[in-house]
């Protein structure tokens, strides 16, 4: 059986065919789809050639459908309805959506934003799923990694093709130590800060702690006693040893009570870290993507 070349079919012909099958009359079918009688007759001729069947035949004063035409009525109606559904803007209903959103963010951001974001999403969209990908430094991010991401939260001010940036929230750095640390009252002085052994945080794909170059620039040379890959690990180890850590203020505040930490201001102004929300540009007109983007922004605003 010879297959029909779908690329050669004019979808408008199928609309005319649907009208002809419903009306069994060329003029009324044309009126139904907004065509003149000659144009409808021409479309019928093309359909006859395409389908190899007369489709409509005259019996006395009336036109009747051929058996093949009768057999086309139901599948054609289903095809056109499926096509309309394909092209219809169905919008986005959080209550029924089953979308999955993929994020990449550092561990400290995940600890701060993750729980309230999951809770907020569950209240509005109980069937929506989220995936938090492991953090990878900019130098290790491949094109495949970026294609898999819907959202990327970072303080790294570097252009990422295919993503649109916007400010999310600001933070600064503080010193943390266990509550009984012998030098806890001196950590805000240069001597006290530099005289202690520190925990450095060097993430995957990074060559040194992101704060190291800044500390050197302001004349602070610290002693590194341990290097770990995440802020969460650093802050937990600081809570149980005499090592100290230089970590973002929001994370320190959120964990200080449960880990029995003391927080000290840095001996010099640490400046401001600006966290960026990067949204994949393919979501710019996607209602579901914009809903999730708004949810992230709302949760981040509540951190203030």
Protein backbone atom coordinates (compact mmCIF):
# COMPACT_ATOMS: atom_id res chain seq x y z
CA UNK A 1 0.00 0.00 0.00
CA UNK A 2 1.44 3.37 -1.01
CA UNK A 3 1.95 5.80 1.86
CA UNK A 4 0.67 9.36 1.57
CA UNK A 5 3.24 12.14 1.75
CA UNK A 6 1.93 14.19 4.69
CA UNK A 7 4.07 17.19 3.78
CA UNK A 8 2.06 17.50 0.55
CA UNK A 9 -1.30 17.74 2.34
CA UNK A 10 -2.90 21.12 2.95
CA UNK A 11 -4.55 21.02 6.38
CA UNK A 12 -7.25 23.35 5.05
CA UNK A 13 -8.34 20.55 2.71
CA UNK A 14 -9.17 18.40 5.73
CA UNK A 15 -11.29 21.23 7.15
CA UNK A 16 -13.20 21.42 3.86
CA UNK A 17 -13.55 17.63 3.83
CA UNK A 18 -15.03 17.72 7.33
CA UNK A 19 -17.61 20.28 6.15
CA UNK A 20 -18.43 18.24 3.02
CA UNK A 21 -18.93 15.09 5.08
CA UNK A 22 -21.18 16.97 7.51
CA UNK A 23 -23.29 18.79 4.88
CA UNK A 24 -23.25 16.43 1.85
CA UNK A 25 -23.64 19.62 -0.15
CA UNK A 26 -20.94 21.68 -1.85
CA UNK A 27 -22.50 25.13 -1.40
CA UNK A 28 -23.46 24.64 2.26
CA UNK A 29 -20.04 23.15 3.01
CA UNK A 30 -18.40 26.21 1.45
CA UNK A 31 -20.54 28.55 3.53
CA UNK A 32 -19.59 26.60 6.65
CA UNK A 33 -15.86 27.19 6.10
CA UNK A 34 -16.09 30.59 4.41
CA UNK A 35 -15.37 29.53 0.81
CA UNK A 36 -17.20 30.31 -2.42
CA UNK A 37 -18.90 27.46 -4.27
CA UNK A 38 -16.22 27.35 -7.02
CA UNK A 39 -13.44 27.24 -4.41
CA UNK A 40 -15.22 24.45 -2.55
CA UNK A 41 -15.71 22.50 -5.78
CA UNK A 42 -12.02 22.90 -6.54
CA UNK A 43 -11.16 21.62 -3.03
CA UNK A 44 -13.45 18.62 -3.57
CA UNK A 45 -11.65 17.81 -6.80
CA UNK A 46 -8.32 17.90 -5.01
CA UNK A 47 -9.66 15.66 -2.24
CA UNK A 48 -10.97 13.16 -4.75
CA UNK A 49 -7.56 12.99 -6.38
CA UNK A 50 -5.78 12.73 -3.04
CA UNK A 51 -8.03 9.99 -1.64
CA UNK A 52 -8.77 8.15 -4.87
CA UNK A 53 -12.51 8.23 -4.27
CA UNK A 54 -15.41 10.44 -5.49
CA UNK A 55 -16.50 11.04 -1.87
CA UNK A 56 -19.77 12.74 -2.91
CA UNK A 57 -21.93 11.33 -5.72
CA UNK A 58 -25.25 12.51 -7.12
CA UNK A 59 -28.30 10.30 -6.58
CA UNK A 60 -31.28 11.96 -8.17
CA UNK A 61 -31.42 15.55 -6.92
CA UNK A 62 -29.27 14.87 -3.86
CA UNK A 63 -25.58 14.30 -3.15
CA UNK A 64 -24.69 11.31 -0.97
CA UNK A 65 -21.49 10.12 0.65
CA UNK A 66 -19.64 7.14 -0.72
CA UNK A 67 -18.84 4.28 1.68
CA UNK A 68 -15.25 5.53 1.98
CA UNK A 69 -16.49 9.02 2.83
CA UNK A 70 -18.81 7.59 5.49
CA UNK A 71 -15.86 5.74 6.98
CA UNK A 72 -13.83 8.94 7.15
CA UNK A 73 -16.29 10.94 9.26
CA UNK A 74 -15.34 9.72 12.73
CA UNK A 75 -11.54 9.48 12.33
CA UNK A 76 -11.43 12.86 10.57
CA UNK A 77 -13.43 14.53 13.36
CA UNK A 78 -11.05 13.02 15.93
CA UNK A 79 -8.00 14.12 13.94
CA UNK A 80 -9.21 17.72 13.69
CA UNK A 81 -10.09 17.87 17.37
CA UNK A 82 -6.66 16.53 18.32
CA UNK A 83 -5.07 19.13 16.04
CA UNK A 84 -7.09 21.92 17.66
CA UNK A 85 -6.05 20.65 21.11
CA UNK A 86 -2.41 20.62 20.00
CA UNK A 87 -2.59 24.27 18.95
CA UNK A 88 -4.83 25.45 21.78
CA UNK A 89 -3.26 27.51 24.60
CA UNK A 90 -4.23 25.38 27.58
CA UNK A 91 -2.64 27.75 30.11
CA UNK A 92 -1.17 26.49 33.36
CA UNK A 93 -3.08 25.25 36.39
CA UNK A 94 -0.75 24.68 39.36
CA UNK A 95 -3.34 22.55 41.11
CA UNK A 96 -3.25 19.90 38.38
CA UNK A 97 0.19 20.34 36.79
CA UNK A 98 2.74 17.51 36.88
CA UNK A 99 5.67 19.57 35.60
CA UNK A 100 9.23 18.98 36.79
CA UNK A 101 11.61 21.91 37.38
CA UNK A 102 15.36 21.47 37.60
CA UNK A 103 17.53 23.78 39.72
CA UNK A 104 21.24 24.17 40.35
CA UNK A 105 22.33 26.16 43.39
CA UNK A 106 25.11 26.08 46.00
CA UNK A 107 24.48 24.05 49.14
CA UNK A 108 24.01 27.12 51.34
CA UNK A 109 21.34 28.54 48.99
CA UNK A 110 19.67 25.14 48.86
CA UNK A 111 19.61 25.03 52.66
CA UNK A 112 18.06 28.49 52.88
CA UNK A 113 15.64 28.42 49.94
CA UNK A 114 15.01 24.71 49.42
CA UNK A 115 12.66 23.90 52.32
CA UNK A 116 10.42 27.00 52.04
CA UNK A 117 10.36 26.68 48.23
CA UNK A 118 9.30 23.02 48.39
CA UNK A 119 6.63 23.87 50.97
CA UNK A 120 5.29 26.83 48.96
CA UNK A 121 5.15 24.76 45.76
CA UNK A 122 3.38 21.90 47.54
CA UNK A 123 0.65 24.24 48.79
CA UNK A 124 -0.15 25.52 45.30
CA UNK A 125 0.89 22.61 43.09
CA UNK A 126 0.92 19.28 44.96
CA UNK A 127 1.93 17.24 41.88
CA UNK A 128 4.74 19.48 40.66
CA UNK A 129 8.21 17.98 41.13
CA UNK A 130 11.57 19.67 41.65
CA UNK A 131 15.09 18.40 41.05
CA UNK A 132 18.08 20.02 42.78
CA UNK A 133 21.21 19.18 40.79
CA UNK A 134 24.64 19.01 42.48
CA UNK A 135 26.54 22.27 42.28
CA UNK A 136 29.20 22.53 39.59
CA UNK A 137 31.58 25.44 39.21
CA UNK A 138 31.29 27.57 36.04
CA UNK A 139 34.37 25.99 34.48
CA UNK A 140 32.82 22.53 34.76
CA UNK A 141 29.38 23.43 33.45
CA UNK A 142 28.91 21.84 30.04
CA UNK A 143 26.36 22.70 27.37
CA UNK A 144 24.47 19.55 28.35
CA UNK A 145 24.35 20.68 32.01
CA UNK A 146 22.92 24.05 31.00
CA UNK A 147 20.32 22.46 28.71
CA UNK A 148 19.07 20.37 31.63
CA UNK A 149 18.56 23.42 33.86
CA UNK A 150 15.45 25.53 34.26
CA UNK A 151 16.91 27.73 37.00
CA UNK A 152 20.43 28.46 38.22
CA UNK A 153 21.07 30.42 41.43
CA UNK A 154 24.59 31.69 41.94
CA UNK A 155 26.75 34.62 42.98
CA UNK A 156 29.12 34.07 40.05
CA UNK A 157 28.77 37.12 37.82
CA UNK A 158 29.47 35.41 34.52
CA UNK A 159 27.36 35.31 31.38
CA UNK A 160 25.60 32.03 30.71
CA UNK A 161 24.18 31.74 27.17
CA UNK A 162 20.53 30.80 27.19
CA UNK A 163 19.78 32.31 30.61
CA UNK A 164 18.36 35.64 31.75
CA UNK A 165 19.70 37.11 35.02
CA UNK A 166 17.93 39.02 37.75
CA UNK A 167 18.95 39.95 41.33
CA UNK A 168 17.54 37.56 43.94
CA UNK A 169 18.91 38.64 47.31
CA UNK A 170 22.05 40.02 48.96
CA UNK A 171 24.27 38.58 51.67
CA UNK A 172 27.54 39.22 53.48
CA UNK A 173 30.12 37.08 55.28
CA UNK A 174 30.69 36.55 59.02
CA UNK A 175 32.95 34.43 61.18
CA UNK A 176 31.48 31.43 63.00
CA UNK A 177 32.92 29.33 65.80
CA UNK A 178 31.61 26.93 68.42
CA UNK A 179 30.05 28.64 71.45
CA UNK A 180 32.89 27.56 73.74
CA UNK A 181 35.72 28.57 71.42
CA UNK A 182 38.59 30.03 73.52
CA UNK A 183 39.10 32.95 71.11
CA UNK A 184 35.42 33.69 70.48
CA UNK A 185 35.68 37.26 71.85
CA UNK A 186 38.68 38.12 69.63
CA UNK A 187 37.43 36.91 66.24
CA UNK A 188 36.42 40.39 65.10
CA UNK A 189 39.99 41.65 65.47
CA UNK A 190 42.62 41.11 62.80
CA UNK A 191 44.90 39.36 65.28
CA UNK A 192 42.14 37.10 66.52
CA UNK A 193 40.90 36.31 63.01
CA UNK A 194 44.35 35.57 61.58
CA UNK A 195 45.55 33.75 64.68
CA UNK A 196 43.01 30.91 64.33
CA UNK A 197 43.00 27.89 62.05
CA UNK A 198 40.32 28.23 59.37
CA UNK A 199 38.15 25.96 57.26
CA UNK A 200 38.39 26.78 53.55
CA UNK A 201 35.49 26.00 51.22
CA UNK A 202 36.59 24.90 47.75
CA UNK A 203 33.71 23.64 45.63
CA UNK A 204 33.82 21.30 42.67
CA UNK A 205 35.57 22.99 39.76
CA UNK A 206 37.10 25.74 41.94
CA UNK A 207 40.82 26.18 42.63
CA UNK A 208 40.54 27.95 45.99
CA UNK A 209 38.06 29.39 48.48
CA UNK A 210 36.14 32.18 46.72
CA UNK A 211 36.96 34.55 49.61
CA UNK A 212 40.68 33.89 49.62
CA UNK A 213 41.68 36.46 47.00
CA UNK A 214 39.57 39.12 48.73
CA UNK A 215 41.11 38.36 52.12
CA UNK A 216 44.61 38.64 50.68
CA UNK A 217 43.68 41.94 49.00
CA UNK A 218 42.70 43.46 52.37
CA UNK A 219 45.83 42.14 54.06
CA UNK A 220 44.41 39.15 55.94
CA UNK A 221 46.54 36.01 55.72
CA UNK A 222 44.76 33.14 57.43
CA UNK A 223 45.91 29.68 58.40
CA UNK A 224 43.98 26.93 56.63
CA UNK A 225 43.54 23.86 58.83
CA UNK A 226 40.96 22.06 56.69
CA UNK A 227 39.50 22.31 53.19
CA UNK A 228 35.97 21.06 52.54
CA UNK A 229 33.70 21.20 49.45
CA UNK A 230 30.60 22.87 50.97
CA UNK A 231 29.55 25.61 53.37
CA UNK A 232 27.21 23.28 55.24
CA UNK A 233 30.07 20.91 56.00
CA UNK A 234 32.32 23.78 57.06
CA UNK A 235 29.79 25.25 59.45
CA UNK A 236 29.02 21.86 61.03
CA UNK A 237 32.71 21.09 61.58
CA UNK A 238 33.29 24.55 63.06
CA UNK A 239 30.50 23.83 65.54
CA UNK A 240 32.37 20.77 66.87
CA UNK A 241 36.04 21.80 66.70
CA UNK A 242 38.27 24.79 67.36
CA UNK A 243 38.47 25.56 63.64
CA UNK A 244 36.59 28.67 62.52
CA UNK A 245 34.81 29.38 59.23
CA UNK A 246 34.11 32.48 57.17
CA UNK A 247 30.60 31.90 55.83
CA UNK A 248 27.56 33.81 54.49
CA UNK A 249 25.63 35.65 57.19
CA UNK A 250 22.17 34.25 56.34
CA UNK A 251 23.40 30.68 56.61
CA UNK A 252 25.17 31.40 59.90
CA UNK A 253 22.04 32.95 61.39
CA UNK A 254 19.82 30.10 60.26
CA UNK A 255 22.10 27.47 61.84
CA UNK A 256 23.55 29.26 64.87
CA UNK A 257 20.93 28.22 67.41
CA UNK A 258 20.68 24.54 66.47
CA UNK A 259 24.47 24.16 66.25
CA UNK A 260 25.27 26.40 69.25
CA UNK A 261 27.46 28.75 67.25
CA UNK A 262 28.78 32.21 67.96
CA UNK A 263 28.77 34.73 65.11
CA UNK A 264 31.39 37.46 64.88
CA UNK A 265 31.73 40.30 62.43
CA UNK A 266 34.77 40.15 60.17
CA UNK A 267 37.68 42.45 61.17
CA UNK A 268 37.26 44.31 57.86
CA UNK A 269 34.15 45.11 55.84
CA UNK A 270 33.42 41.95 53.79
CA UNK A 271 31.27 43.78 51.26
CA UNK A 272 28.10 42.37 49.71
CA UNK A 273 27.47 39.14 47.85
CA UNK A 274 24.71 39.41 45.25
CA UNK A 275 22.83 36.23 44.49
CA UNK A 276 21.40 35.98 40.99
CA UNK A 277 18.45 33.99 39.73
CA UNK A 278 19.16 32.75 36.22
CA UNK A 279 16.10 31.56 34.31
CA UNK A 280 16.39 29.59 31.06
CA UNK A 281 15.26 31.89 28.23
CA UNK A 282 13.16 29.03 26.76
CA UNK A 283 10.81 29.63 29.74
CA UNK A 284 10.27 33.31 28.89
CA UNK A 285 6.75 32.67 27.54
CA UNK A 286 6.06 29.48 29.46
CA UNK A 287 3.31 30.02 32.05
CA UNK A 288 4.53 27.19 34.28
CA UNK A 289 8.11 28.46 34.21
CA UNK A 290 7.04 31.99 35.08
CA UNK A 291 4.91 30.67 37.94
CA UNK A 292 7.92 28.88 39.43
CA UNK A 293 10.15 31.93 38.86
CA UNK A 294 7.66 34.06 40.79
CA UNK A 295 7.57 31.50 43.59
CA UNK A 296 11.37 31.57 43.91
CA UNK A 297 11.34 35.36 44.07
CA UNK A 298 8.61 35.36 46.73
CA UNK A 299 10.46 32.85 48.91
CA UNK A 300 13.72 34.81 48.55
CA UNK A 301 11.97 38.05 49.49
CA UNK A 302 10.72 36.38 52.70
CA UNK A 303 14.35 35.75 53.72
CA UNK A 304 14.70 39.47 54.34
